[in-house]
Protein backbone atom coordinates (compact mmCIF):
# COMPACT_ATOMS: atom_id res chain seq x y z
CA UNK A 1 -13.26 5.60 -18.71
CA UNK A 2 -10.19 4.86 -19.85
CA UNK A 3 -6.98 5.28 -17.63
CA UNK A 4 -3.50 4.10 -17.20
CA UNK A 5 -0.01 5.62 -15.62
CA UNK A 6 3.58 4.55 -15.62
CA UNK A 7 6.62 6.57 -15.11
CA UNK A 8 6.25 8.48 -18.18
CA UNK A 9 2.71 9.79 -18.07
CA UNK A 10 -0.74 9.33 -15.93
CA UNK A 11 -3.46 9.70 -18.17
CA UNK A 12 -7.22 9.38 -18.60
CA UNK A 13 -10.30 9.68 -20.74
CA UNK A 14 -13.50 10.45 -20.23
CA UNK A 15 -16.41 10.86 -22.88
CA UNK A 16 -20.08 10.60 -23.54
CA UNK A 17 -22.07 9.78 -27.01
CA UNK A 18 -24.28 12.32 -28.84
CA UNK A 19 -28.14 12.06 -26.65
CA UNK A 20 -30.11 9.04 -28.22
CA UNK A 21 -26.75 7.19 -30.20
CA UNK A 22 -25.12 3.93 -28.33
CA UNK A 23 -22.08 4.56 -30.57
CA UNK A 24 -19.67 7.42 -30.40
CA UNK A 25 -17.59 8.92 -33.15
CA UNK A 26 -14.66 10.16 -30.61
CA UNK A 27 -11.84 8.07 -29.72
CA UNK A 28 -8.95 8.99 -27.35
CA UNK A 29 -5.20 6.99 -27.98
CA UNK A 30 -2.24 6.52 -25.73
CA UNK A 31 0.37 4.66 -26.93
CA UNK A 32 4.13 4.07 -26.40
CA UNK A 33 6.70 4.84 -28.98
CA UNK A 34 10.80 4.35 -29.14
CA UNK A 35 10.94 8.43 -27.38
CA UNK A 36 8.41 8.28 -25.01
CA UNK A 37 4.49 8.56 -25.75
CA UNK A 38 1.95 9.40 -28.50
CA UNK A 39 -1.23 11.08 -27.48
CA UNK A 40 -4.05 11.76 -30.01
CA UNK A 41 -8.00 12.48 -29.65
CA UNK A 42 -9.89 11.72 -32.54
CA UNK A 43 -13.33 12.62 -34.22
CA UNK A 44 -15.00 10.80 -36.46
CA UNK A 45 -17.04 13.61 -38.40
CA UNK A 46 -20.89 13.48 -37.72
CA UNK A 47 -21.91 10.47 -35.07
CA UNK A 48 -23.08 7.30 -34.95
CA UNK A 49 -21.30 4.18 -36.41
CA UNK A 50 -19.92 5.95 -39.44
CA UNK A 51 -18.13 8.59 -37.58
CA UNK A 52 -17.55 5.53 -34.94
CA UNK A 53 -15.25 3.48 -38.25
CA UNK A 54 -13.88 6.56 -39.45
CA UNK A 55 -12.62 7.09 -36.21
CA UNK A 56 -10.97 3.54 -35.44
CA UNK A 57 -9.37 3.33 -38.75
CA UNK A 58 -7.45 6.37 -37.95
CA UNK A 59 -6.83 4.92 -34.81
CA UNK A 60 -5.19 2.04 -35.97
CA UNK A 61 -3.35 3.85 -38.32
CA UNK A 62 -1.37 6.09 -35.36
CA UNK A 63 -0.85 3.19 -33.63
CA UNK A 64 0.61 1.01 -36.52
CA UNK A 65 2.91 3.98 -37.39
CA UNK A 66 3.34 5.57 -33.73
CA UNK A 67 7.20 6.46 -34.12
CA UNK A 68 6.51 9.10 -37.16
CA UNK A 69 6.38 12.60 -36.80
CA UNK A 70 3.11 14.26 -36.14
CA UNK A 71 3.01 15.39 -39.55
CA UNK A 72 3.56 12.51 -41.85
CA UNK A 73 1.15 10.90 -38.98
CA UNK A 74 -1.41 13.25 -40.43
CA UNK A 75 -0.46 12.28 -44.16
CA UNK A 76 -0.79 8.79 -43.30
CA UNK A 77 -4.23 9.21 -41.91
CA UNK A 78 -5.43 11.05 -44.17
CA UNK A 79 -5.04 8.99 -47.34
CA UNK A 80 -6.80 5.92 -45.13
CA UNK A 81 -9.90 8.20 -44.03
CA UNK A 82 -10.87 9.37 -47.39
CA UNK A 83 -12.39 6.28 -48.00
CA UNK A 84 -14.46 7.17 -44.92
CA UNK A 85 -16.12 10.18 -44.09
CA UNK A 86 -13.26 12.32 -42.64
CA UNK A 87 -12.16 13.34 -39.31
CA UNK A 88 -10.95 16.12 -37.31
CA UNK A 89 -8.02 14.73 -34.80
CA UNK A 90 -5.17 16.46 -32.75
CA UNK A 91 -2.10 14.49 -32.26
CA UNK A 92 0.70 15.60 -29.12
CA UNK A 93 3.90 13.62 -29.53
CA UNK A 94 6.12 13.76 -26.25
CA UNK A 95 10.12 12.85 -26.07
CA UNK A 96 10.15 11.90 -22.24
CA UNK A 97 14.49 12.51 -22.27
CA UNK A 98 14.57 15.65 -24.33
CA UNK A 99 11.26 16.95 -22.27
CA UNK A 100 9.49 18.31 -24.82
CA UNK A 101 5.92 17.74 -26.40
CA UNK A 102 5.29 18.63 -31.14
CA UNK A 103 1.64 18.71 -31.01
CA UNK A 104 -0.85 19.55 -33.84
CA UNK A 105 -4.63 19.77 -34.93
CA UNK A 106 -6.98 20.15 -37.50
CA UNK A 107 -10.30 20.76 -37.58
CA UNK A 108 -12.69 21.60 -34.59
CA UNK A 109 -10.56 20.57 -31.81
CA UNK A 110 -8.99 22.06 -28.62
CA UNK A 111 -6.26 21.21 -26.51
CA UNK A 112 -4.34 23.47 -23.49
CA UNK A 113 -1.32 22.12 -21.43
CA UNK A 114 -1.31 23.58 -18.20
CA UNK A 115 1.90 23.99 -16.32
CA UNK A 116 2.25 24.60 -12.92
CA UNK A 117 4.60 27.70 -13.03
CA UNK A 118 3.88 28.84 -16.37
CA UNK A 119 1.07 30.25 -18.44
CA UNK A 120 -1.32 28.03 -20.14
CA UNK A 121 -0.81 27.27 -23.88
CA UNK A 122 -3.15 26.78 -26.53
CA UNK A 123 -3.18 24.45 -29.25
CA UNK A 124 -2.98 26.27 -32.67
CA UNK A 125 -5.20 24.03 -34.93
CA UNK A 126 -5.80 24.55 -38.43
CA UNK A 127 -9.25 24.56 -40.57
CA UNK A 128 -9.99 21.09 -42.62
CA UNK A 129 -10.46 17.62 -42.22
CA UNK A 130 -8.31 14.81 -42.64
CA UNK A 131 -9.87 12.48 -45.22
CA UNK A 132 -11.51 15.28 -47.08
CA UNK A 133 -9.14 18.83 -46.93
CA UNK A 134 -5.65 18.16 -45.60
CA UNK A 135 -4.48 22.20 -44.82
CA UNK A 136 -0.76 22.98 -44.84
CA UNK A 137 0.21 21.44 -40.72
CA UNK A 138 1.50 23.77 -37.94
CA UNK A 139 3.35 21.57 -35.73
CA UNK A 140 4.63 23.59 -32.63
CA UNK A 141 7.49 22.53 -30.03
CA UNK A 142 6.68 22.89 -26.34
CA UNK A 143 9.04 22.34 -23.29
CA UNK A 144 7.76 20.29 -21.18
CA UNK A 145 8.43 20.12 -17.50
CA UNK A 146 7.12 17.20 -14.31
CA UNK A 147 3.37 17.59 -13.57
CA UNK A 148 2.41 19.69 -17.01
CA UNK A 149 -1.26 18.72 -17.66
CA UNK A 150 -2.06 18.08 -21.51
CA UNK A 151 -5.66 17.97 -21.72
CA UNK A 152 -7.35 17.49 -25.35
CA UNK A 153 -10.87 17.92 -26.28
CA UNK A 154 -13.29 17.36 -28.90
CA UNK A 155 -16.04 19.91 -30.26
CA UNK A 156 -18.75 18.07 -27.97
CA UNK A 157 -16.89 20.08 -24.99
CA UNK A 158 -17.63 23.61 -24.50
CA UNK A 159 -15.11 26.53 -25.35
CA UNK A 160 -13.98 28.03 -22.20
CA UNK A 161 -13.35 24.26 -20.28
CA UNK A 162 -10.37 25.19 -18.66
CA UNK A 163 -11.34 28.01 -17.23
CA UNK A 164 -11.10 27.33 -13.33
CA UNK A 165 -10.09 24.13 -13.82
CA UNK A 166 -8.19 21.86 -10.92
CA UNK A 167 -5.62 20.33 -12.26
CA UNK A 168 -3.77 18.94 -9.13
CA UNK A 169 -5.96 15.69 -8.71
CA UNK A 170 -5.46 12.95 -10.53
CA UNK A 171 -6.30 12.23 -14.33
CA UNK A 172 -9.68 10.86 -13.67
CA UNK A 173 -11.14 13.87 -11.67
CA UNK A 174 -9.99 16.18 -14.91
CA UNK A 175 -11.50 14.24 -17.41
CA UNK A 176 -14.42 13.65 -15.14
CA UNK A 177 -14.51 17.67 -14.12
CA UNK A 178 -14.45 18.78 -18.10
CA UNK A 179 -17.19 16.55 -18.96
CA UNK A 180 -19.86 16.95 -16.47
CA UNK A 181 -19.43 21.10 -16.56
CA UNK A 182 -18.65 21.14 -20.27
CA UNK A 183 -20.68 18.34 -22.29
CA UNK A 184 -22.94 20.66 -25.01
CA UNK A 185 -25.28 17.53 -25.07
CA UNK A 186 -25.58 18.62 -28.93
CA UNK A 187 -22.66 15.60 -29.94
CA UNK A 188 -20.30 13.10 -28.86
CA UNK A 189 -17.65 14.10 -26.55
CA UNK A 190 -14.13 13.34 -25.13
CA UNK A 191 -11.64 14.61 -22.89
CA UNK A 192 -8.17 12.91 -22.32
CA UNK A 193 -6.16 14.85 -19.54
CA UNK A 194 -2.19 13.44 -19.38
CA UNK A 195 0.02 14.40 -16.82
CA UNK A 196 3.55 14.23 -17.48
CA UNK A 197 5.64 12.48 -14.92
CA UNK A 198 9.52 12.62 -16.57
CA UNK A 199 11.79 11.36 -18.22
CA UNK A 200 11.92 7.30 -16.16
CA UNK A 201 9.73 5.52 -18.50
CA UNK A 202 9.31 3.95 -21.71
CA UNK A 203 5.91 1.91 -22.06
CA UNK A 204 2.64 4.02 -22.26
CA UNK A 205 0.08 1.12 -23.48
């Protein structure tokens, strides 16, 4: 598990490799940006060391270009990942002062924004593999309010992971719940939860 907190986000990740494997190709990332934070979940194609290398290559590119728009980050990762087996991923860019989030997903990834007083909103991901077949991107922009919780998962987590999920506790508790209840056990799995705290801070890494 990895976790962090500042005045913009409180976040945590939990992960498990495919049974019998020691490496995981699933990677969660939270980094500071000029306007707030960037949250990413990356799933290297397949599993084992090749998947790990693909996920790490994408993560390095994202960190180096963290202030770029979400669509451009996908394009940059697509070029880098051509030399690997590719990856699927979700990116969410948070503008703390504007209290908005822009997010997009490519491939078999899930994401949901759990609001305190509004219906949940699910990520609309496009089919494809970054590094192999990058589809036309659909990036949506959502308003944020303090207390909203963003949850991103790889395909090692079952659909319906957010059903009856208690998001009132800390992010560490949320990711533990999801992994314990919804781990498929047939692939690497990762879940990242990030609670938006407000516009008062900048640093997330």
